[in-house]
Amino acid sequence: MEEKTTITIKNKEQYERLIMEKDPVILYFSSLNCNVCQAVFPKLMMLVNDYSIPVAKINVDEQMEIAGQSLVFTVPTILIMYEGKEVLRESRFIDFSNIARTLEFIFCNNIQ
């Protein structure tokens, strides 16, 4: 099992390009000062390691406009985007079973 690399979003243009070009994509909103964020991210990466889906990290402290545009008001927040639309949102208390079910639906039902 190969470890997946993440994309670090540095600006709004990169974010918009990612949403348009990568389908599906996981957006991980976090903050450097958030201990929960630091604990949740490795669990997310272990879960998505078997899927061909990019994971983009967005630091809400640096990218406030993107967080606001995405209606992210708490961290960590995980969004799964498909066809440019949000299909799953998990915030604060992350339910990894919901993430797993959504990924199974996307990849096993040949939606992609």
Protein backbone atom coordinates (compact mmCIF):
# COMPACT_ATOMS: atom_id res chain seq x y z
CA MET A 1 0.00 0.00 0.00
CA GLU A 2 1.56 3.24 -1.17
CA GLU A 3 1.17 6.38 0.91
CA LYS A 4 -0.86 9.07 -0.82
CA THR A 5 0.55 12.56 -1.15
CA THR A 6 -1.55 15.61 -0.46
CA ILE A 7 -2.04 18.84 -2.34
CA THR A 8 -1.59 22.00 -0.29
CA ILE A 9 -3.89 24.76 -1.50
CA LYS A 10 -2.00 28.06 -1.67
CA ASN A 11 -4.52 30.33 -3.39
CA LYS A 12 -8.09 30.62 -4.67
CA GLU A 13 -7.11 29.97 -8.29
CA GLN A 14 -5.43 26.68 -7.38
CA TYR A 15 -8.52 25.70 -5.35
CA GLU A 16 -10.92 26.45 -8.22
CA ARG A 17 -8.71 24.63 -10.73
CA LEU A 18 -8.57 21.58 -8.46
CA ILE A 19 -12.37 21.48 -8.13
CA MET A 20 -12.75 21.66 -11.91
CA GLU A 21 -9.98 19.20 -12.87
CA LYS A 22 -10.06 16.51 -10.18
CA ASP A 23 -13.16 14.43 -9.79
CA PRO A 24 -13.80 13.33 -7.12
CA VAL A 25 -11.63 15.20 -4.62
CA ILE A 26 -11.42 15.44 -0.82
CA LEU A 27 -10.93 18.85 0.75
CA TYR A 28 -9.49 18.86 4.27
CA PHE A 29 -9.88 22.17 6.09
CA SER A 30 -7.72 22.57 9.18
CA SER A 31 -5.72 24.97 11.29
CA LEU A 32 -2.16 24.66 12.55
CA ASN A 33 -3.32 25.34 16.11
CA CYS A 34 -5.98 22.61 16.03
CA ASN A 35 -4.84 19.46 17.84
CA VAL A 36 -7.93 17.56 16.70
CA CYS A 37 -7.03 18.42 13.10
CA GLN A 38 -3.56 16.96 13.56
CA ALA A 39 -5.06 13.71 14.96
CA VAL A 40 -7.81 13.34 12.33
CA PHE A 41 -5.68 13.82 9.22
CA PRO A 42 -3.63 10.58 9.50
CA LYS A 43 -6.86 8.62 10.02
CA LEU A 44 -8.35 10.18 6.91
CA MET A 45 -5.25 9.34 4.89
CA MET A 46 -5.35 5.72 6.03
CA LEU A 47 -9.00 5.50 5.01
CA VAL A 48 -8.51 6.97 1.52
CA ASN A 49 -5.24 5.21 0.77
CA ASP A 50 -7.00 2.46 -1.22
CA TYR A 51 -8.85 4.93 -3.47
CA SER A 52 -7.67 6.96 -6.41
CA ILE A 53 -8.78 10.28 -4.96
CA PRO A 54 -6.67 13.38 -4.36
CA VAL A 55 -6.69 15.00 -0.91
CA ALA A 56 -6.24 18.75 -0.69
CA LYS A 57 -5.28 20.43 2.59
CA ILE A 58 -6.55 23.93 3.17
CA ASN A 59 -5.26 25.96 6.10
CA VAL A 60 -8.19 28.15 7.16
CA ASP A 61 -5.85 30.63 8.85
CA GLU A 62 -4.15 31.36 5.52
CA GLN A 63 -7.09 30.78 3.16
CA MET A 64 -9.98 32.54 4.91
CA GLU A 65 -11.70 33.43 1.64
CA ILE A 66 -11.79 29.80 0.50
CA ALA A 67 -13.07 28.68 3.92
CA GLY A 68 -15.79 31.32 3.84
CA GLN A 69 -16.77 30.49 0.26
CA SER A 70 -17.04 26.82 1.28
CA LEU A 71 -19.05 27.70 4.43
CA VAL A 72 -16.40 26.17 6.68
CA PHE A 73 -16.79 27.66 10.15
CA THR A 74 -15.14 24.97 12.26
CA VAL A 75 -12.16 22.66 11.87
CA PRO A 76 -11.50 19.99 11.00
CA THR A 77 -13.94 19.89 8.11
CA ILE A 78 -13.81 17.28 5.37
CA LEU A 79 -15.66 17.82 2.10
CA ILE A 80 -15.97 15.24 -0.64
CA MET A 81 -16.61 16.94 -3.96
CA TYR A 82 -17.96 15.13 -7.00
CA GLU A 83 -18.78 16.77 -10.33
CA GLY A 84 -18.05 20.13 -8.73
CA LYS A 85 -20.66 19.61 -6.02
CA GLU A 86 -20.40 18.74 -2.35
CA VAL A 87 -21.61 15.18 -1.71
CA LEU A 88 -20.44 14.83 1.90
CA ARG A 89 -19.49 17.18 4.72
CA GLU A 90 -18.06 16.04 8.04
CA SER A 91 -17.10 18.67 10.60
CA ARG A 92 -15.64 18.70 14.09
CA PHE A 93 -16.65 15.18 15.18
CA ILE A 94 -15.72 13.21 12.08
CA ASP A 95 -17.75 10.08 11.28
CA PHE A 96 -15.29 8.04 9.23
CA SER A 97 -17.97 5.45 8.42
CA ASN A 98 -19.85 8.13 6.43
CA ILE A 99 -16.67 8.91 4.51
CA ALA A 100 -16.08 5.21 3.81
CA ARG A 101 -19.68 4.70 2.60
CA THR A 102 -19.45 7.70 0.29
CA LEU A 103 -16.15 6.54 -1.20
CA GLU A 104 -17.55 3.03 -1.68
CA PHE A 105 -20.58 4.45 -3.45
CA ILE A 106 -18.47 6.63 -5.75
CA PHE A 107 -15.87 4.01 -6.63
CA CYS A 108 -17.73 0.70 -6.43
CA ASN A 109 -20.82 1.82 -8.31
CA ASN A 110 -18.69 3.02 -11.23
CA ILE A 111 -19.92 6.57 -10.88
CA GLN A 112 -16.47 7.85 -11.57
